[in-house]
Amino acid sequence: MADGDGACFQGWRRDGRPRFAAFNATKGGLRLLVQSLAREFGPQGLHIAHTIIDGGIEGERLLSRMPDRKERAGADGLLNIEAIADSYWHLHTQHRSAWTHEIDLRPYKEPF
């Protein structure tokens, strides 16, 4: 494998939510799988990362299905697509002496 190779797995919020038990369990399993893959393949130069997208993404798909979602969310209430892309690019271009294993992306107004 060449330096710069990598894989990114997308998860969901780290805290469990009511009515999502099965989904939460699978995403928790994904997080553990990604940690194992990072430990196995990291020494070979493969950057493995887990990204968490915790919020609505301000894009055509969401806004076409929920036209009032942006207004209800208010300023900084949705994730900006370009900001997400910048975060993924940062993961891709990181120096291997300081690789990020997990990144949690959420809107500024998201309550924890």
C-alpha atoms as a PDB file:
ATOM      1  CA  MET A   1       0.000   0.000   0.000  1.00  0.00           C
ATOM      2  CA  ALA A   2       1.182   3.488  -0.787  1.00  0.00           C
ATOM      3  CA  ASP A   3       1.228   6.264   1.765  1.00  0.00           C
ATOM      4  CA  GLY A   4      -1.921   8.308   1.366  1.00  0.00           C
ATOM      5  CA  ASP A   5      -4.134   5.259   0.993  1.00  0.00           C
ATOM      6  CA  GLY A   6      -7.035   5.122   3.355  1.00  0.00           C
ATOM      7  CA  ALA A   7     -10.598   4.217   4.084  1.00  0.00           C
ATOM      8  CA  CYS A   8     -13.287   6.224   5.814  1.00  0.00           C
ATOM      9  CA  PHE A   9     -16.378   4.715   7.413  1.00  0.00           C
ATOM     10  CA  GLN A  10     -19.361   6.869   8.264  1.00  0.00           C
ATOM     11  CA  GLY A  11     -21.147   6.336  11.547  1.00  0.00           C
ATOM     12  CA  TRP A  12     -23.922   8.017  13.427  1.00  0.00           C
ATOM     13  CA  ARG A  13     -24.199   9.728  16.792  1.00  0.00           C
ATOM     14  CA  ARG A  14     -22.334   8.128  19.644  1.00  0.00           C
ATOM     15  CA  ASP A  15     -25.181   8.306  22.130  1.00  0.00           C
ATOM     16  CA  GLY A  16     -28.145   5.984  21.898  1.00  0.00           C
ATOM     17  CA  ARG A  17     -31.511   7.438  20.957  1.00  0.00           C
ATOM     18  CA  PRO A  18     -34.986   6.099  21.716  1.00  0.00           C
ATOM     19  CA  ARG A  19     -36.575   4.027  18.925  1.00  0.00           C
ATOM     20  CA  PHE A  20     -33.184   3.419  17.247  1.00  0.00           C
ATOM     21  CA  ALA A  21     -31.876   0.486  19.300  1.00  0.00           C
ATOM     22  CA  ALA A  22     -31.052  -1.812  16.369  1.00  0.00           C
ATOM     23  CA  PHE A  23     -29.534   1.001  14.323  1.00  0.00           C
ATOM     24  CA  ASN A  24     -27.486   2.229  17.296  1.00  0.00           C
ATOM     25  CA  ALA A  25     -26.161  -1.293  17.875  1.00  0.00           C
ATOM     26  CA  THR A  26     -24.978  -1.659  14.279  1.00  0.00           C
ATOM     27  CA  LYS A  27     -23.266   1.742  14.289  1.00  0.00           C
ATOM     28  CA  GLY A  28     -21.564   0.891  17.589  1.00  0.00           C
ATOM     29  CA  GLY A  29     -20.323  -2.301  15.979  1.00  0.00           C
ATOM     30  CA  LEU A  30     -19.054  -0.316  12.990  1.00  0.00           C
ATOM     31  CA  ARG A  31     -17.078   1.956  15.313  1.00  0.00           C
ATOM     32  CA  LEU A  32     -15.369  -1.051  16.930  1.00  0.00           C
ATOM     33  CA  LEU A  33     -14.676  -2.603  13.530  1.00  0.00           C
ATOM     34  CA  VAL A  34     -13.031   0.628  12.338  1.00  0.00           C
ATOM     35  CA  GLN A  35     -10.852   0.724  15.468  1.00  0.00           C
ATOM     36  CA  SER A  36      -9.733  -2.845  14.795  1.00  0.00           C
ATOM     37  CA  LEU A  37      -9.030  -2.118  11.129  1.00  0.00           C
ATOM     38  CA  ALA A  38      -7.017   0.978  12.085  1.00  0.00           C
ATOM     39  CA  ARG A  39      -4.860  -1.064  14.443  1.00  0.00           C
ATOM     40  CA  GLU A  40      -4.382  -3.837  11.906  1.00  0.00           C
ATOM     41  CA  PHE A  41      -3.687  -1.772   8.795  1.00  0.00           C
ATOM     42  CA  GLY A  42      -2.320   1.495  10.214  1.00  0.00           C
ATOM     43  CA  PRO A  43       1.200   0.054  10.579  1.00  0.00           C
ATOM     44  CA  GLN A  44       1.065  -0.784   6.859  1.00  0.00           C
ATOM     45  CA  GLY A  45       0.413   2.859   5.961  1.00  0.00           C
ATOM     46  CA  LEU A  46      -3.356   2.668   5.542  1.00  0.00           C
ATOM     47  CA  HIS A  47      -5.228   5.483   7.283  1.00  0.00           C
ATOM     48  CA  ILE A  48      -8.543   4.186   8.607  1.00  0.00           C
ATOM     49  CA  ALA A  49     -10.974   6.748  10.005  1.00  0.00           C
ATOM     50  CA  HIS A  50     -14.475   6.808  11.436  1.00  0.00           C
ATOM     51  CA  THR A  51     -16.597   9.879  10.762  1.00  0.00           C
ATOM     52  CA  ILE A  52     -19.774  10.733  12.596  1.00  0.00           C
ATOM     53  CA  ILE A  53     -22.299  12.947  10.834  1.00  0.00           C
ATOM     54  CA  ASP A  54     -24.630  14.139  13.569  1.00  0.00           C
ATOM     55  CA  GLY A  55     -27.162  16.458  12.022  1.00  0.00           C
ATOM     56  CA  GLY A  56     -29.022  17.398   8.906  1.00  0.00           C
ATOM     57  CA  ILE A  57     -26.959  18.165   5.826  1.00  0.00           C
ATOM     58  CA  GLU A  58     -27.961  21.319   3.987  1.00  0.00           C
ATOM     59  CA  GLY A  59     -28.300  19.804   0.548  1.00  0.00           C
ATOM     60  CA  GLU A  60     -30.773  19.077  -2.197  1.00  0.00           C
ATOM     61  CA  ARG A  61     -31.848  15.706  -0.799  1.00  0.00           C
ATOM     62  CA  LEU A  62     -32.865  17.035   2.630  1.00  0.00           C
ATOM     63  CA  LEU A  63     -34.291  20.340   1.447  1.00  0.00           C
ATOM     64  CA  SER A  64     -36.351  18.790  -1.365  1.00  0.00           C
ATOM     65  CA  ARG A  65     -37.983  16.399   1.116  1.00  0.00           C
ATOM     66  CA  MET A  66     -38.322  18.912   3.938  1.00  0.00           C
ATOM     67  CA  PRO A  67     -38.520  22.400   2.374  1.00  0.00           C
ATOM     68  CA  ASP A  68     -38.966  24.149   5.733  1.00  0.00           C
ATOM     69  CA  ARG A  69     -36.097  22.295   7.461  1.00  0.00           C
ATOM     70  CA  LYS A  70     -33.522  25.055   6.900  1.00  0.00           C
ATOM     71  CA  GLU A  71     -35.847  27.718   8.273  1.00  0.00           C
ATOM     72  CA  ARG A  72     -36.743  25.570  11.304  1.00  0.00           C
ATOM     73  CA  ALA A  73     -33.072  24.799  11.990  1.00  0.00           C
ATOM     74  CA  GLY A  74     -32.112  28.463  11.774  1.00  0.00           C
ATOM     75  CA  ALA A  75     -28.669  29.889  11.099  1.00  0.00           C
ATOM     76  CA  ASP A  76     -25.929  27.283  11.654  1.00  0.00           C
ATOM     77  CA  GLY A  77     -28.543  24.605  12.322  1.00  0.00           C
ATOM     78  CA  LEU A  78     -27.566  22.329   9.417  1.00  0.00           C
ATOM     79  CA  LEU A  79     -24.234  20.970   8.263  1.00  0.00           C
ATOM     80  CA  ASN A  80     -22.748  22.785   5.271  1.00  0.00           C
ATOM     81  CA  ILE A  81     -21.749  20.385   2.473  1.00  0.00           C
ATOM     82  CA  GLU A  82     -18.514  22.220   1.691  1.00  0.00           C
ATOM     83  CA  ALA A  83     -17.520  22.207   5.372  1.00  0.00           C
ATOM     84  CA  ILE A  84     -18.069  18.431   5.461  1.00  0.00           C
ATOM     85  CA  ALA A  85     -15.960  18.033   2.309  1.00  0.00           C
ATOM     86  CA  ASP A  86     -13.192  20.135   3.897  1.00  0.00           C
ATOM     87  CA  SER A  87     -13.183  17.839   6.935  1.00  0.00           C
ATOM     88  CA  TYR A  88     -12.930  14.733   4.765  1.00  0.00           C
ATOM     89  CA  TRP A  89     -10.142  16.332   2.725  1.00  0.00           C
ATOM     90  CA  HIS A  90      -8.290  17.136   5.932  1.00  0.00           C
ATOM     91  CA  LEU A  91      -8.506  13.455   6.936  1.00  0.00           C
ATOM     92  CA  HIS A  92      -7.204  12.418   3.526  1.00  0.00           C
ATOM     93  CA  THR A  93      -4.225  14.770   3.561  1.00  0.00           C
ATOM     94  CA  GLN A  94      -3.119  14.355   7.185  1.00  0.00           C
ATOM     95  CA  HIS A  95       0.490  13.563   7.909  1.00  0.00           C
ATOM     96  CA  ARG A  96       0.685  10.044   9.277  1.00  0.00           C
ATOM     97  CA  SER A  97       2.459  11.217  12.428  1.00  0.00           C
ATOM     98  CA  ALA A  98      -0.855  12.749  13.529  1.00  0.00           C
ATOM     99  CA  TRP A  99      -3.651  10.715  11.985  1.00  0.00           C
ATOM    100  CA  THR A 100      -7.163  11.275  13.240  1.00  0.00           C
ATOM    101  CA  HIS A 101      -9.035   8.085  13.968  1.00  0.00           C
ATOM    102  CA  GLU A 102     -12.455   9.600  14.573  1.00  0.00           C
ATOM    103  CA  ILE A 103     -14.091  12.886  13.707  1.00  0.00           C
ATOM    104  CA  ASP A 104     -17.503  14.020  14.900  1.00  0.00           C
ATOM    105  CA  LEU A 105     -19.232  16.564  12.642  1.00  0.00           C
ATOM    106  CA  ARG A 106     -22.305  18.378  13.907  1.00  0.00           C
ATOM    107  CA  PRO A 107     -23.984  21.733  13.328  1.00  0.00           C
ATOM    108  CA  TYR A 108     -22.953  24.612  15.551  1.00  0.00           C
ATOM    109  CA  LYS A 109     -26.428  24.715  17.117  1.00  0.00           C
ATOM    110  CA  GLU A 110     -26.698  20.974  17.773  1.00  0.00           C
ATOM    111  CA  PRO A 111     -27.504  20.339  21.443  1.00  0.00           C
ATOM    112  CA  PHE A 112     -25.341  17.683  23.067  1.00  0.00           C
END
